[in-house]
């Protein structure tokens, strides 16, 4: 079950992207560089920092993986101080290789400080140079060069972290910041595996990453970063068809269990178990407990924060969801997944103007419009069918006959009073649907709900629910879309409450769930 849940994670992370539209992509790149997509941004705080990838100055020029890996480790380590907002890797690395100044980067990423550096590695010797710059004044606050052996890398990381805390007057339990020690070879192999895993997301990349991790864990089977990376690598192998579900499940379970034996409060591992509780079993109560604990122990884990934001939205905690996902976007403004999920959270929370702005930003980053259906829903909820039709017609012709676009057309034409066209669009969806596509049945129900045909809406909801059996988790898809505002037209019908009860999604159950959001999340949202 966990392997399948992580399979969904990998699908979400890597495969949601059909071919890009070249013209829109070019526009996206230009706009991203010019205004950094910061239409909605918090005020620049003193406690904000971006860590750039460290430049490779090694004699052979083959240590880029080491410089990138060191920067990622510093991002993760520095991010453990809740009061320090550290830019996520996606955005911090987006300027790699670009001829751009530190003040421009600070402006683009909405941070007050930038940590820049270089590495030179040859054999057992490593030279690391770093500088902390005030991006607003373009002045250097601190710099240091370390000429040591690879075995000193963990001390170097800790010294850099503490120096930054001192310069930025960050008060935090510094003992928690000590790097996990391991054999230098294990560290190097883990960085190589991470680099391979994120290279092109191909089957060969996953295989190479798995081989490198096997070498690392053979030397040190308790090295937590390698164990956690192996979870995602095995999910990638599963989705590439290179290992079976049974093998992936066993490997992933073993890795997470070993991490929690070594570090019982590891937030990333707890978050993975919480994701499994939620996505694989709909055990919402256990997911809430584990997500709550994970947030306390891994404040800098933006993937975890994003997943808790999605979970909060699915149980109707819209204020919490928005706060969590706004933190993700503030910390990683060019991460398309953060943008997409915040836009969704705004829509679920009926903040339609905010949703439309965020979907616009998301489409710019993605380089194509692939959330048009939800843009249309937001416009329809605002009573704007004509702009909704314009959005629909902006979609390429080869996408017009897809179920989502047909459902959108049916709803738009109904609101425009073009009822024959609305009915024709619905008939075309019904002609395409198969009982193995439960999400399409829910889609048809959504359209009927909006149009006001309650009988057909509930008929298709019942079909979708019965088709859920083949997925082994009845009510799963309904749970994901239950708070979509389009269903409001059914809320006063007794059948709606009865359906929620039957799916074990009653309001009483959801209200009783205890999801604890740390105060620093809410504070970040208020800023």
Foldseek 3Di string as FASTA:
>chain_A
DLLVLLLVVCCVVAPPFDDFDVVLQVVLVVVCLPQLLPPDADAADLQEEEEAQAAEPAPVRPCSLVSNVLSQLLLQLLLQQLSHQYFDPQLRHPCVPPPDDLLSSCSSLSYQKYKYWHWYDDDFWIKIKIWIARSVVRHTQDIDIDTDGLQCSQVVSLVVSVVVCVSSVRDDDSVVSRDDDDPSLLVVLQSVLVCLCPPNLALVSLVSSVVSLVVSCVRPVLPLSSLLVVLSSLSSCPSNVNDDSVVNVVSNVVSLVSNCVVPVQALVSLLSVLSCCCQVPNVLQSSQVSLQSSCNRRVSPLVSLQVVLLSCLLLPVLLSSLLSLVSSCSNHVLDLSSLQSNLVSCQLVLVLVVNLSSLVSSCSSSSHRDPLLSNLVSCVVVVHLPVNVVSLVVDDPVCCLDLSNLLSQLLSCLSVVNNVSNVVSLVSLVVPDDLLCLVSLQSSLLSCLQSPVNVSNVVSVVSSQVSCVVVVQGCSVCSSCVSRVSNVSCVVPVVNQVVCVVSVSHNVVSVPRDRDDDPSSVVSSVD
